[in-house]
Amino acid sequence: MENGMEWLSGNPCDVQTVMELLSPYAKPETTDTVLADIGCGDGETLAWLSAHTPYQLHGVEPEPSRLEAAKIACPGVVFMGASAENLPYADGFLDLALMECVFSLILEPEKAASELARTMKRDGVVLLADLYAQAGEDAYIDECDCLGHIYARQSIEYFFTKNGFILLAFHDRSGDLRASVAQGIMSGKGMDGIDKDSLSRLRQVKAGYGIWLWKKAG
């Protein structure tokens, strides 16, 4: 995971899976294609993309220490110190965007969706992957270092459709999430940084994991 959720022992959406899901909807891979990893963390995803794709890669990360680590890990990537709510790009600049395990940390989710709509090219594609509340109600996980909000699926889809995105596909990976957490607990690595109250809230909202593919309407 790139931002937060380090308590998971594995990623229910690793970068190879991300690209397999994204590729049917993306334009052909060329050096002219601009892909931004929004909330790139330490650059793990970008490092893989640097080795396996010809894209012009950008990383956006608001936390200075993570940004510096990403710069070291990915010397050929363009990095920006910024938040998802204030993307440092001109209108219609991006072809593709990834937002993995970031939306649950954003303070202004509708503004972030609006910024993606502004900066994506017509027919540009966004892949969003994150926890969501299967119980159907948004929740604030205020005691947790690695989560802010957990949004219901309908809330996430409202933010994006309101800002002119078309839902291409939704993949539920909640089973992978449960397996990852269980593996972490068994190995003694899981759940660090999550207190009992936060765990209780996550259970109450039936936290799941979803992957959304969005296209900016023409």
N, C-alpha and C. Protein backbone atom coordinates (compact mmCIF):
# COMPACT_ATOMS: atom_id res chain seq x y z
N MET A 1 0.84 -1.18 0.00
CA MET A 1 0.00 0.00 0.00
C MET A 1 0.89 1.25 0.00
N GLU A 2 0.42 2.29 -0.61
CA GLU A 2 1.27 3.43 -0.80
C GLU A 2 1.14 4.47 0.30
N ASN A 3 -0.07 4.78 0.71
CA ASN A 3 -0.28 5.76 1.76
C ASN A 3 -1.17 5.13 2.81
N GLY A 4 -0.58 4.85 3.98
CA GLY A 4 -1.37 4.24 5.03
C GLY A 4 -1.56 2.76 4.80
N MET A 5 -2.28 2.14 5.73
CA MET A 5 -2.63 0.72 5.67
C MET A 5 -1.40 -0.19 5.58
N GLU A 6 -0.27 0.25 6.17
CA GLU A 6 0.90 -0.61 6.21
C GLU A 6 0.66 -1.83 7.09
N TRP A 7 -0.42 -1.79 7.88
CA TRP A 7 -0.76 -2.92 8.74
C TRP A 7 -1.21 -4.14 7.94
N LEU A 8 -1.50 -3.96 6.67
CA LEU A 8 -1.81 -5.12 5.84
C LEU A 8 -0.50 -5.81 5.46
N SER A 9 -0.51 -7.13 5.51
CA SER A 9 0.71 -7.86 5.17
C SER A 9 0.90 -7.97 3.66
N GLY A 10 -0.15 -7.79 2.89
CA GLY A 10 -0.08 -7.86 1.44
C GLY A 10 -1.05 -6.86 0.83
N ASN A 11 -0.92 -6.65 -0.43
CA ASN A 11 -1.74 -5.66 -1.11
C ASN A 11 -2.83 -6.37 -1.91
N PRO A 12 -4.13 -6.11 -1.60
CA PRO A 12 -5.19 -6.75 -2.39
C PRO A 12 -5.27 -6.23 -3.82
N CYS A 13 -4.44 -5.24 -4.14
CA CYS A 13 -4.38 -4.75 -5.52
C CYS A 13 -2.93 -4.36 -5.82
N ASP A 14 -2.09 -5.34 -6.14
CA ASP A 14 -0.70 -5.01 -6.42
C ASP A 14 -0.59 -4.37 -7.81
N VAL A 15 0.58 -3.86 -8.11
CA VAL A 15 0.73 -3.04 -9.32
C VAL A 15 0.48 -3.84 -10.60
N GLN A 16 0.87 -5.10 -10.62
CA GLN A 16 0.61 -5.88 -11.82
C GLN A 16 -0.89 -6.08 -12.04
N THR A 17 -1.61 -6.29 -10.95
CA THR A 17 -3.06 -6.40 -11.05
C THR A 17 -3.67 -5.08 -11.52
N VAL A 18 -3.17 -3.98 -10.98
CA VAL A 18 -3.63 -2.66 -11.38
C VAL A 18 -3.52 -2.48 -12.89
N MET A 19 -2.35 -2.82 -13.44
CA MET A 19 -2.13 -2.60 -14.86
C MET A 19 -2.93 -3.56 -15.72
N GLU A 20 -3.17 -4.76 -15.22
CA GLU A 20 -4.02 -5.70 -15.96
C GLU A 20 -5.45 -5.17 -16.04
N LEU A 21 -5.92 -4.56 -14.97
CA LEU A 21 -7.28 -4.01 -14.96
C LEU A 21 -7.37 -2.74 -15.79
N LEU A 22 -6.30 -1.97 -15.78
CA LEU A 22 -6.30 -0.69 -16.48
C LEU A 22 -6.12 -0.83 -17.98
N SER A 23 -5.34 -1.81 -18.42
CA SER A 23 -4.92 -1.89 -19.82
C SER A 23 -6.06 -1.98 -20.84
N PRO A 24 -7.18 -2.67 -20.55
CA PRO A 24 -8.24 -2.72 -21.57
C PRO A 24 -8.86 -1.35 -21.88
N TYR A 25 -8.72 -0.41 -20.97
CA TYR A 25 -9.37 0.89 -21.13
C TYR A 25 -8.37 2.01 -21.46
N ALA A 26 -7.09 1.71 -21.33
CA ALA A 26 -6.07 2.73 -21.55
C ALA A 26 -5.69 2.81 -23.03
N LYS A 27 -5.17 3.96 -23.43
CA LYS A 27 -4.63 4.11 -24.77
C LYS A 27 -3.38 3.24 -24.91
N PRO A 28 -2.95 2.95 -26.13
CA PRO A 28 -1.73 2.16 -26.32
C PRO A 28 -0.55 2.76 -25.57
N GLU A 29 0.30 1.90 -25.03
CA GLU A 29 1.45 2.35 -24.26
C GLU A 29 2.47 3.02 -25.18
N THR A 30 2.65 4.32 -24.97
CA THR A 30 3.64 5.06 -25.75
C THR A 30 4.36 6.02 -24.82
N THR A 31 5.46 6.58 -25.33
CA THR A 31 6.22 7.54 -24.53
C THR A 31 5.50 8.88 -24.41
N ASP A 32 4.42 9.05 -25.18
CA ASP A 32 3.64 10.29 -25.08
C ASP A 32 2.54 10.20 -24.02
N THR A 33 2.31 9.03 -23.49
CA THR A 33 1.25 8.84 -22.50
C THR A 33 1.73 9.26 -21.13
N VAL A 34 0.97 10.15 -20.48
CA VAL A 34 1.34 10.66 -19.16
C VAL A 34 0.49 9.97 -18.10
N LEU A 35 1.15 9.29 -17.18
CA LEU A 35 0.48 8.61 -16.07
C LEU A 35 0.95 9.22 -14.76
N ALA A 36 0.00 9.63 -13.92
CA ALA A 36 0.33 10.18 -12.61
C ALA A 36 -0.16 9.24 -11.52
N ASP A 37 0.72 8.97 -10.57
CA ASP A 37 0.36 8.21 -9.37
C ASP A 37 0.08 9.24 -8.28
N ILE A 38 -1.22 9.42 -7.97
CA ILE A 38 -1.63 10.45 -7.01
C ILE A 38 -1.55 9.87 -5.61
N GLY A 39 -0.69 10.46 -4.78
CA GLY A 39 -0.43 9.88 -3.47
C GLY A 39 0.51 8.70 -3.63
N CYS A 40 1.66 8.96 -4.23
CA CYS A 40 2.56 7.87 -4.65
C CYS A 40 3.35 7.26 -3.51
N GLY A 41 3.28 7.86 -2.32
CA GLY A 41 4.01 7.31 -1.19
C GLY A 41 5.49 7.22 -1.45
N ASP A 42 6.08 6.07 -1.14
CA ASP A 42 7.52 5.88 -1.30
C ASP A 42 7.92 5.51 -2.73
N GLY A 43 6.95 5.43 -3.63
CA GLY A 43 7.27 5.20 -5.04
C GLY A 43 7.31 3.74 -5.46
N GLU A 44 6.73 2.85 -4.66
CA GLU A 44 6.79 1.42 -4.99
C GLU A 44 6.13 1.12 -6.34
N THR A 45 4.95 1.67 -6.55
CA THR A 45 4.26 1.44 -7.82
C THR A 45 5.03 2.07 -8.99
N LEU A 46 5.52 3.28 -8.79
CA LEU A 46 6.24 3.97 -9.85
C LEU A 46 7.53 3.25 -10.22
N ALA A 47 8.18 2.63 -9.25
CA ALA A 47 9.40 1.88 -9.55
C ALA A 47 9.09 0.72 -10.49
N TRP A 48 7.98 0.03 -10.23
CA TRP A 48 7.58 -1.07 -11.12
C TRP A 48 7.23 -0.54 -12.51
N LEU A 49 6.46 0.55 -12.55
CA LEU A 49 6.05 1.13 -13.83
C LEU A 49 7.26 1.61 -14.63
N SER A 50 8.26 2.14 -13.94
CA SER A 50 9.48 2.60 -14.62
C SER A 50 10.18 1.45 -15.34
N ALA A 51 10.12 0.28 -14.74
CA ALA A 51 10.81 -0.88 -15.30
C ALA A 51 10.00 -1.62 -16.36
N HIS A 52 8.67 -1.39 -16.39
CA HIS A 52 7.83 -2.23 -17.24
C HIS A 52 6.96 -1.47 -18.25
N THR A 53 6.97 -0.14 -18.23
CA THR A 53 6.15 0.61 -19.18
C THR A 53 6.95 1.77 -19.76
N PRO A 54 6.52 2.28 -20.94
CA PRO A 54 7.20 3.42 -21.55
C PRO A 54 6.58 4.77 -21.16
N TYR A 55 5.61 4.76 -20.24
CA TYR A 55 4.88 5.98 -19.92
C TYR A 55 5.78 7.10 -19.40
N GLN A 56 5.34 8.34 -19.61
CA GLN A 56 5.89 9.48 -18.88
C GLN A 56 5.26 9.44 -17.49
N LEU A 57 6.06 9.19 -16.49
CA LEU A 57 5.54 8.94 -15.15
C LEU A 57 5.69 10.17 -14.25
N HIS A 58 4.62 10.43 -13.51
CA HIS A 58 4.61 11.51 -12.52
C HIS A 58 4.15 10.94 -11.18
N GLY A 59 4.74 11.46 -10.10
CA GLY A 59 4.31 11.09 -8.76
C GLY A 59 3.91 12.33 -7.98
N VAL A 60 2.75 12.27 -7.34
CA VAL A 60 2.26 13.38 -6.52
C VAL A 60 2.17 12.88 -5.08
N GLU A 61 2.82 13.58 -4.16
CA GLU A 61 2.85 13.14 -2.76
C GLU A 61 2.99 14.36 -1.84
N PRO A 62 2.09 14.52 -0.87
CA PRO A 62 2.16 15.69 0.00
C PRO A 62 3.13 15.56 1.17
N GLU A 63 3.51 14.32 1.53
CA GLU A 63 4.33 14.13 2.73
C GLU A 63 5.81 14.17 2.33
N PRO A 64 6.58 15.14 2.86
CA PRO A 64 7.96 15.36 2.38
C PRO A 64 8.87 14.15 2.48
N SER A 65 8.83 13.41 3.58
CA SER A 65 9.76 12.28 3.72
C SER A 65 9.45 11.17 2.72
N ARG A 66 8.18 10.93 2.47
CA ARG A 66 7.80 9.94 1.46
C ARG A 66 8.22 10.41 0.07
N LEU A 67 8.02 11.69 -0.19
CA LEU A 67 8.39 12.24 -1.50
C LEU A 67 9.88 12.07 -1.75
N GLU A 68 10.71 12.34 -0.76
CA GLU A 68 12.15 12.21 -0.92
C GLU A 68 12.53 10.75 -1.14
N ALA A 69 11.88 9.84 -0.43
CA ALA A 69 12.16 8.41 -0.62
C ALA A 69 11.79 7.98 -2.04
N ALA A 70 10.67 8.49 -2.54
CA ALA A 70 10.24 8.15 -3.89
C ALA A 70 11.21 8.68 -4.94
N LYS A 71 11.73 9.87 -4.72
CA LYS A 71 12.69 10.44 -5.66
C LYS A 71 13.95 9.58 -5.75
N ILE A 72 14.38 9.05 -4.63
CA ILE A 72 15.57 8.19 -4.61
C ILE A 72 15.28 6.87 -5.32
N ALA A 73 14.09 6.33 -5.09
CA ALA A 73 13.74 5.03 -5.67
C ALA A 73 13.47 5.11 -7.17
N CYS A 74 13.02 6.28 -7.63
CA CYS A 74 12.58 6.41 -9.03
C CYS A 74 13.21 7.65 -9.66
N PRO A 75 14.48 7.61 -10.01
CA PRO A 75 15.16 8.82 -10.50
C PRO A 75 14.63 9.36 -11.82
N GLY A 76 13.94 8.54 -12.62
CA GLY A 76 13.46 9.02 -13.91
C GLY A 76 12.05 9.57 -13.90
N VAL A 77 11.45 9.68 -12.72
CA VAL A 77 10.06 10.11 -12.58
C VAL A 77 9.99 11.59 -12.20
N VAL A 78 8.99 12.29 -12.71
CA VAL A 78 8.75 13.68 -12.33
C VAL A 78 7.89 13.68 -11.06
N PHE A 79 8.38 14.34 -10.01
CA PHE A 79 7.66 14.36 -8.74
C PHE A 79 7.17 15.75 -8.39
N MET A 80 6.00 15.78 -7.75
CA MET A 80 5.39 17.02 -7.30
C MET A 80 4.98 16.87 -5.84
N GLY A 81 5.33 17.83 -5.03
CA GLY A 81 4.88 17.84 -3.65
C GLY A 81 3.54 18.56 -3.57
N ALA A 82 2.46 17.81 -3.59
CA ALA A 82 1.13 18.40 -3.62
C ALA A 82 0.11 17.38 -3.14
N SER A 83 -1.10 17.87 -2.90
CA SER A 83 -2.19 17.00 -2.46
C SER A 83 -3.13 16.69 -3.63
N ALA A 84 -3.97 15.69 -3.44
CA ALA A 84 -4.95 15.32 -4.47
C ALA A 84 -5.98 16.42 -4.67
N GLU A 85 -6.19 17.25 -3.66
CA GLU A 85 -7.17 18.33 -3.77
C GLU A 85 -6.63 19.53 -4.54
N ASN A 86 -5.32 19.57 -4.77
CA ASN A 86 -4.70 20.69 -5.49
C ASN A 86 -3.61 20.15 -6.41
N LEU A 87 -4.01 19.53 -7.49
CA LEU A 87 -3.05 18.91 -8.40
C LEU A 87 -2.29 19.97 -9.20
N PRO A 88 -0.98 19.82 -9.31
CA PRO A 88 -0.15 20.85 -9.94
C PRO A 88 -0.03 20.67 -11.46
N TYR A 89 -1.17 20.50 -12.13
CA TYR A 89 -1.16 20.25 -13.57
C TYR A 89 -2.13 21.18 -14.28
N ALA A 90 -1.82 21.44 -15.54
CA ALA A 90 -2.72 22.23 -16.38
C ALA A 90 -3.96 21.40 -16.73
N ASP A 91 -4.98 22.07 -17.17
CA ASP A 91 -6.21 21.38 -17.58
C ASP A 91 -5.91 20.39 -18.71
N GLY A 92 -6.47 19.18 -18.60
CA GLY A 92 -6.33 18.19 -19.65
C GLY A 92 -4.92 17.68 -19.89
N PHE A 93 -4.11 17.62 -18.85
CA PHE A 93 -2.71 17.22 -19.01
C PHE A 93 -2.50 15.71 -18.93
N LEU A 94 -3.29 15.00 -18.12
CA LEU A 94 -3.03 13.60 -17.81
C LEU A 94 -3.84 12.65 -18.69
N ASP A 95 -3.19 11.58 -19.11
CA ASP A 95 -3.89 10.50 -19.82
C ASP A 95 -4.43 9.46 -18.85
N LEU A 96 -3.63 9.13 -17.84
CA LEU A 96 -3.97 8.08 -16.89
C LEU A 96 -3.61 8.54 -15.49
N ALA A 97 -4.39 8.09 -14.52
CA ALA A 97 -4.08 8.40 -13.12
C ALA A 97 -4.40 7.20 -12.25
N LEU A 98 -3.55 6.98 -11.26
CA LEU A 98 -3.77 5.97 -10.24
C LEU A 98 -3.98 6.66 -8.91
N MET A 99 -4.92 6.16 -8.13
CA MET A 99 -5.13 6.67 -6.78
C MET A 99 -5.40 5.46 -5.88
N GLU A 100 -4.32 4.93 -5.32
CA GLU A 100 -4.40 3.69 -4.54
C GLU A 100 -4.29 3.99 -3.05
N CYS A 101 -5.31 3.61 -2.30
CA CYS A 101 -5.30 3.74 -0.84
C CYS A 101 -5.03 5.18 -0.41
N VAL A 102 -5.62 6.11 -1.15
CA VAL A 102 -5.43 7.54 -0.91
C VAL A 102 -6.76 8.22 -0.61
N PHE A 103 -7.83 7.78 -1.27
CA PHE A 103 -9.11 8.48 -1.15
C PHE A 103 -9.60 8.49 0.29
N SER A 104 -9.30 7.45 1.05
CA SER A 104 -9.73 7.38 2.45
C SER A 104 -8.96 8.36 3.34
N LEU A 105 -7.89 8.94 2.84
CA LEU A 105 -7.10 9.91 3.59
C LEU A 105 -7.43 11.36 3.22
N ILE A 106 -8.18 11.54 2.15
CA ILE A 106 -8.42 12.88 1.62
C ILE A 106 -9.47 13.62 2.46
N LEU A 107 -9.18 14.87 2.78
CA LEU A 107 -10.10 15.66 3.59
C LEU A 107 -11.27 16.21 2.77
N GLU A 108 -11.02 16.47 1.47
CA GLU A 108 -12.07 17.02 0.61
C GLU A 108 -12.23 16.13 -0.63
N PRO A 109 -12.93 15.01 -0.49
CA PRO A 109 -13.01 14.04 -1.59
C PRO A 109 -13.66 14.58 -2.85
N GLU A 110 -14.68 15.42 -2.71
CA GLU A 110 -15.32 15.95 -3.92
C GLU A 110 -14.39 16.90 -4.66
N LYS A 111 -13.59 17.65 -3.92
CA LYS A 111 -12.62 18.53 -4.56
C LYS A 111 -11.55 17.72 -5.28
N ALA A 112 -11.15 16.60 -4.68
CA ALA A 112 -10.16 15.73 -5.34
C ALA A 112 -10.71 15.17 -6.64
N ALA A 113 -11.97 14.75 -6.62
CA ALA A 113 -12.60 14.25 -7.86
C ALA A 113 -12.69 15.36 -8.90
N SER A 114 -12.97 16.57 -8.45
CA SER A 114 -13.05 17.71 -9.36
C SER A 114 -11.68 18.03 -9.97
N GLU A 115 -10.63 17.93 -9.18
CA GLU A 115 -9.28 18.17 -9.68
C GLU A 115 -8.87 17.11 -10.70
N LEU A 116 -9.24 15.86 -10.45
CA LEU A 116 -8.97 14.82 -11.43
C LEU A 116 -9.70 15.12 -12.74
N ALA A 117 -10.95 15.54 -12.63
CA ALA A 117 -11.72 15.86 -13.84
C ALA A 117 -11.08 17.01 -14.61
N ARG A 118 -10.55 17.97 -13.90
CA ARG A 118 -9.92 19.13 -14.54
C ARG A 118 -8.65 18.74 -15.26
N THR A 119 -7.85 17.89 -14.64
CA THR A 119 -6.51 17.62 -15.16
C THR A 119 -6.45 16.44 -16.14
N MET A 120 -7.52 15.63 -16.21
CA MET A 120 -7.52 14.50 -17.14
C MET A 120 -7.90 14.94 -18.54
N LYS A 121 -7.30 14.30 -19.54
CA LYS A 121 -7.71 14.52 -20.92
C LYS A 121 -9.08 13.90 -21.16
N ARG A 122 -9.74 14.33 -22.23
CA ARG A 122 -10.98 13.69 -22.62
C ARG A 122 -10.74 12.20 -22.84
N ASP A 123 -11.57 11.38 -22.26
CA ASP A 123 -11.45 9.92 -22.30
C ASP A 123 -10.28 9.39 -21.48
N GLY A 124 -9.64 10.26 -20.68
CA GLY A 124 -8.61 9.79 -19.77
C GLY A 124 -9.20 8.85 -18.73
N VAL A 125 -8.38 7.96 -18.21
CA VAL A 125 -8.85 6.90 -17.32
C VAL A 125 -8.19 7.02 -15.95
N VAL A 126 -9.00 6.88 -14.92
CA VAL A 126 -8.53 6.90 -13.53
C VAL A 126 -8.82 5.54 -12.90
N LEU A 127 -7.83 4.97 -12.24
CA LEU A 127 -8.05 3.78 -11.43
C LEU A 127 -7.97 4.17 -9.96
N LEU A 128 -9.06 3.94 -9.25
CA LEU A 128 -9.16 4.23 -7.82
C LEU A 128 -9.28 2.92 -7.07
N ALA A 129 -8.44 2.71 -6.08
CA ALA A 129 -8.50 1.49 -5.26
C ALA A 129 -8.44 1.90 -3.80
N ASP A 130 -9.38 1.39 -3.00
CA ASP A 130 -9.39 1.79 -1.59
C ASP A 130 -10.39 0.96 -0.81
N LEU A 131 -10.33 1.11 0.51
CA LEU A 131 -11.36 0.58 1.38
C LEU A 131 -12.68 1.28 1.10
N TYR A 132 -13.78 0.59 1.33
CA TYR A 132 -15.08 1.24 1.29
C TYR A 132 -16.00 0.57 2.29
N ALA A 133 -17.05 1.29 2.68
CA ALA A 133 -17.98 0.81 3.70
C ALA A 133 -19.08 0.00 3.04
N GLN A 134 -19.05 -1.30 3.23
CA GLN A 134 -20.06 -2.16 2.62
C GLN A 134 -21.43 -2.01 3.30
N ALA A 135 -21.44 -1.51 4.53
CA ALA A 135 -22.71 -1.33 5.25
C ALA A 135 -23.51 -0.15 4.71
N GLY A 136 -22.89 0.67 3.86
CA GLY A 136 -23.64 1.72 3.19
C GLY A 136 -23.62 3.07 3.84
N GLU A 137 -22.80 3.26 4.88
CA GLU A 137 -22.71 4.56 5.55
C GLU A 137 -21.25 4.98 5.64
N ASP A 138 -20.99 6.27 5.38
CA ASP A 138 -19.64 6.80 5.54
C ASP A 138 -19.29 6.81 7.03
N ALA A 139 -18.01 6.64 7.33
CA ALA A 139 -17.58 6.65 8.73
C ALA A 139 -16.24 7.37 8.83
N TYR A 140 -16.06 8.04 9.95
CA TYR A 140 -14.80 8.71 10.24
C TYR A 140 -14.03 7.84 11.22
N ILE A 141 -12.85 7.39 10.80
CA ILE A 141 -12.02 6.54 11.64
C ILE A 141 -11.00 7.45 12.32
N ASP A 142 -11.44 8.16 13.36
CA ASP A 142 -10.66 9.29 13.87
C ASP A 142 -9.50 8.91 14.76
N GLU A 143 -9.42 7.66 15.19
CA GLU A 143 -8.32 7.26 16.06
C GLU A 143 -7.23 6.50 15.31
N CYS A 144 -7.34 6.49 14.01
CA CYS A 144 -6.45 5.63 13.21
C CYS A 144 -5.44 6.48 12.45
N ASP A 145 -4.16 6.12 12.54
CA ASP A 145 -3.12 6.89 11.87
C ASP A 145 -3.13 6.74 10.35
N CYS A 146 -3.69 5.66 9.85
CA CYS A 146 -3.56 5.38 8.42
C CYS A 146 -4.88 5.49 7.67
N LEU A 147 -5.93 5.95 8.32
CA LEU A 147 -7.21 6.18 7.67
C LEU A 147 -7.84 7.45 8.23
N GLY A 148 -8.55 8.16 7.38
CA GLY A 148 -9.34 9.30 7.84
C GLY A 148 -10.81 8.93 7.78
N HIS A 149 -11.31 8.80 6.57
CA HIS A 149 -12.69 8.39 6.35
C HIS A 149 -12.73 7.07 5.60
N ILE A 150 -13.80 6.36 5.79
CA ILE A 150 -14.10 5.22 4.92
C ILE A 150 -15.47 5.50 4.34
N TYR A 151 -15.53 5.61 3.02
CA TYR A 151 -16.75 6.03 2.34
C TYR A 151 -17.52 4.84 1.81
N ALA A 152 -18.84 4.97 1.78
CA ALA A 152 -19.68 3.97 1.14
C ALA A 152 -19.45 4.00 -0.37
N ARG A 153 -19.71 2.89 -1.00
CA ARG A 153 -19.52 2.81 -2.45
C ARG A 153 -20.34 3.88 -3.16
N GLN A 154 -21.58 4.09 -2.72
CA GLN A 154 -22.42 5.08 -3.40
C GLN A 154 -21.89 6.49 -3.22
N SER A 155 -21.21 6.76 -2.11
CA SER A 155 -20.63 8.09 -1.91
C SER A 155 -19.47 8.31 -2.86
N ILE A 156 -18.59 7.32 -2.97
CA ILE A 156 -17.45 7.43 -3.88
C ILE A 156 -17.93 7.64 -5.31
N GLU A 157 -18.91 6.86 -5.70
CA GLU A 157 -19.40 6.97 -7.08
C GLU A 157 -20.14 8.28 -7.32
N TYR A 158 -20.75 8.83 -6.28
CA TYR A 158 -21.38 10.14 -6.41
C TYR A 158 -20.33 11.22 -6.68
N PHE A 159 -19.22 11.20 -5.91
CA PHE A 159 -18.18 12.22 -6.09
C PHE A 159 -17.67 12.24 -7.53
N PHE A 160 -17.50 11.05 -8.13
CA PHE A 160 -16.92 10.98 -9.46
C PHE A 160 -17.95 11.27 -10.56
N THR A 161 -19.13 10.70 -10.46
CA THR A 161 -20.13 10.94 -11.51
C THR A 161 -20.56 12.40 -11.53
N LYS A 162 -20.63 13.03 -10.35
CA LYS A 162 -20.98 14.45 -10.29
C LYS A 162 -19.97 15.30 -11.04
N ASN A 163 -18.72 14.83 -11.10
CA ASN A 163 -17.66 15.60 -11.75
C ASN A 163 -17.36 15.11 -13.16
N GLY A 164 -18.30 14.40 -13.76
CA GLY A 164 -18.20 14.10 -15.18
C GLY A 164 -17.47 12.83 -15.54
N PHE A 165 -17.34 11.91 -14.60
CA PHE A 165 -16.71 10.63 -14.90
C PHE A 165 -17.76 9.56 -15.17
N ILE A 166 -17.42 8.63 -16.04
CA ILE A 166 -18.26 7.48 -16.35
C ILE A 166 -17.61 6.24 -15.74
N LEU A 167 -18.40 5.46 -15.00
CA LEU A 167 -17.87 4.24 -14.39
C LEU A 167 -17.72 3.16 -15.46
N LEU A 168 -16.49 2.71 -15.66
CA LEU A 168 -16.20 1.65 -16.63
C LEU A 168 -16.33 0.27 -16.01
N ALA A 169 -15.86 0.13 -14.79
CA ALA A 169 -15.88 -1.18 -14.14
C ALA A 169 -15.67 -1.01 -12.64
N PHE A 170 -16.22 -1.94 -11.89
CA PHE A 170 -15.98 -2.01 -10.44
C PHE A 170 -15.61 -3.45 -10.10
N HIS A 171 -14.54 -3.60 -9.34
CA HIS A 171 -14.08 -4.92 -8.91
C HIS A 171 -14.04 -4.95 -7.39
N ASP A 172 -14.76 -5.88 -6.80
CA ASP A 172 -14.73 -6.03 -5.35
C ASP A 172 -13.61 -6.99 -4.96
N ARG A 173 -12.68 -6.52 -4.15
CA ARG A 173 -11.55 -7.33 -3.71
C ARG A 173 -11.58 -7.51 -2.18
N SER A 174 -12.79 -7.51 -1.61
CA SER A 174 -12.92 -7.62 -0.16
C SER A 174 -12.37 -8.94 0.35
N GLY A 175 -12.53 -10.00 -0.43
CA GLY A 175 -11.97 -11.29 -0.03
C GLY A 175 -10.46 -11.24 0.08
N ASP A 176 -9.81 -10.55 -0.86
CA ASP A 176 -8.36 -10.40 -0.80
C ASP A 176 -7.95 -9.60 0.43
N LEU A 177 -8.76 -8.58 0.77
CA LEU A 177 -8.47 -7.77 1.95
C LEU A 177 -8.52 -8.62 3.21
N ARG A 178 -9.57 -9.42 3.33
CA ARG A 178 -9.70 -10.27 4.53
C ARG A 178 -8.55 -11.27 4.63
N ALA A 179 -8.16 -11.83 3.49
CA ALA A 179 -7.06 -12.78 3.49
C ALA A 179 -5.75 -12.10 3.88
N SER A 180 -5.56 -10.87 3.41
CA SER A 180 -4.35 -10.13 3.70
C SER A 180 -4.25 -9.80 5.19
N VAL A 181 -5.38 -9.34 5.76
CA VAL A 181 -5.39 -9.02 7.19
C VAL A 181 -5.15 -10.27 8.02
N ALA A 182 -5.81 -11.36 7.66
CA ALA A 182 -5.63 -12.61 8.40
C ALA A 182 -4.18 -13.07 8.35
N GLN A 183 -3.56 -12.96 7.18
CA GLN A 183 -2.16 -13.35 7.04
C GLN A 183 -1.27 -12.48 7.92
N GLY A 184 -1.58 -11.19 7.96
CA GLY A 184 -0.81 -10.28 8.79
C GLY A 184 -0.91 -10.61 10.27
N ILE A 185 -2.13 -10.95 10.71
CA ILE A 185 -2.32 -11.31 12.11
C ILE A 185 -1.55 -12.58 12.45
N MET A 186 -1.62 -13.56 11.56
CA MET A 186 -0.94 -14.83 11.80
C MET A 186 0.57 -14.65 11.84
N SER A 187 1.08 -13.72 11.06
CA SER A 187 2.52 -13.51 10.99
C SER A 187 3.03 -12.56 12.07
N GLY A 188 2.08 -11.94 12.79
CA GLY A 188 2.45 -10.98 13.82
C GLY A 188 2.71 -9.59 13.31
N LYS A 189 2.46 -9.35 12.00
CA LYS A 189 2.72 -8.03 11.42
C LYS A 189 1.45 -7.19 11.30
N GLY A 190 0.31 -7.83 11.27
CA GLY A 190 -0.92 -7.12 10.94
C GLY A 190 -1.45 -6.26 12.06
N MET A 191 -2.19 -5.23 11.66
CA MET A 191 -2.98 -4.37 12.53
C MET A 191 -2.17 -3.38 13.35
N ASP A 192 -0.88 -3.26 13.13
CA ASP A 192 -0.11 -2.22 13.82
C ASP A 192 -0.65 -0.85 13.45
N GLY A 193 -0.82 0.01 14.43
CA GLY A 193 -1.31 1.35 14.19
C GLY A 193 -2.82 1.47 14.21
N ILE A 194 -3.53 0.37 14.39
CA ILE A 194 -4.98 0.39 14.45
C ILE A 194 -5.41 0.06 15.86
N ASP A 195 -6.05 1.02 16.56
CA ASP A 195 -6.49 0.74 17.91
C ASP A 195 -7.83 0.02 17.91
N LYS A 196 -8.26 -0.42 19.08
CA LYS A 196 -9.47 -1.22 19.19
C LYS A 196 -10.72 -0.46 18.75
N ASP A 197 -10.79 0.82 19.08
CA ASP A 197 -11.96 1.61 18.69
C ASP A 197 -12.06 1.73 17.17
N SER A 198 -10.93 1.95 16.52
CA SER A 198 -10.93 2.06 15.06
C SER A 198 -11.30 0.74 14.42
N LEU A 199 -10.77 -0.36 14.97
CA LEU A 199 -11.13 -1.68 14.46
C LEU A 199 -12.62 -1.93 14.60
N SER A 200 -13.18 -1.50 15.71
CA SER A 200 -14.61 -1.67 15.93
C SER A 200 -15.42 -0.92 14.88
N ARG A 201 -14.98 0.31 14.55
CA ARG A 201 -15.70 1.10 13.54
C ARG A 201 -15.57 0.46 12.16
N LEU A 202 -14.39 -0.07 11.86
CA LEU A 202 -14.20 -0.74 10.57
C LEU A 202 -15.11 -1.97 10.46
N ARG A 203 -15.27 -2.68 11.56
CA ARG A 203 -16.17 -3.83 11.54
C ARG A 203 -17.62 -3.40 11.39
N GLN A 204 -17.98 -2.31 12.05
CA GLN A 204 -19.36 -1.83 11.99
C GLN A 204 -19.78 -1.46 10.58
N VAL A 205 -18.88 -0.86 9.84
CA VAL A 205 -19.21 -0.46 8.46
C VAL A 205 -18.90 -1.57 7.46
N LYS A 206 -18.44 -2.71 7.96
CA LYS A 206 -18.12 -3.87 7.11
C LYS A 206 -17.12 -3.46 6.02
N ALA A 207 -15.96 -3.04 6.46
CA ALA A 207 -14.95 -2.53 5.53
C ALA A 207 -14.61 -3.56 4.47
N GLY A 208 -14.72 -3.13 3.23
CA GLY A 208 -14.33 -3.93 2.08
C GLY A 208 -13.29 -3.19 1.28
N TYR A 209 -12.89 -3.78 0.16
CA TYR A 209 -11.88 -3.16 -0.69
C TYR A 209 -12.38 -3.20 -2.13
N GLY A 210 -12.40 -2.03 -2.75
CA GLY A 210 -12.90 -1.95 -4.12
C GLY A 210 -11.91 -1.29 -5.07
N ILE A 211 -12.05 -1.63 -6.34
CA ILE A 211 -11.25 -1.02 -7.40
C ILE A 211 -12.22 -0.48 -8.45
N TRP A 212 -12.15 0.82 -8.70
CA TRP A 212 -13.01 1.49 -9.67
C TRP A 212 -12.19 1.95 -10.85
N LEU A 213 -12.72 1.81 -12.04
CA LEU A 213 -12.12 2.37 -13.25
C LEU A 213 -13.08 3.40 -13.81
N TRP A 214 -12.58 4.62 -13.97
CA TRP A 214 -13.39 5.75 -14.41
C TRP A 214 -12.84 6.33 -15.71
N LYS A 215 -13.72 6.80 -16.57
CA LYS A 215 -13.32 7.53 -17.77
C LYS A 215 -13.90 8.92 -17.72
N LYS A 216 -13.07 9.90 -18.02
CA LYS A 216 -13.58 11.27 -18.12
C LYS A 216 -14.44 11.39 -19.37
N ALA A 217 -15.66 11.86 -19.20
CA ALA A 217 -16.60 11.97 -20.31
C ALA A 217 -16.06 12.94 -21.36
N GLY A 218 -16.32 12.65 -22.61
CA GLY A 218 -15.87 13.50 -23.71
C GLY A 218 -16.70 14.77 -23.84
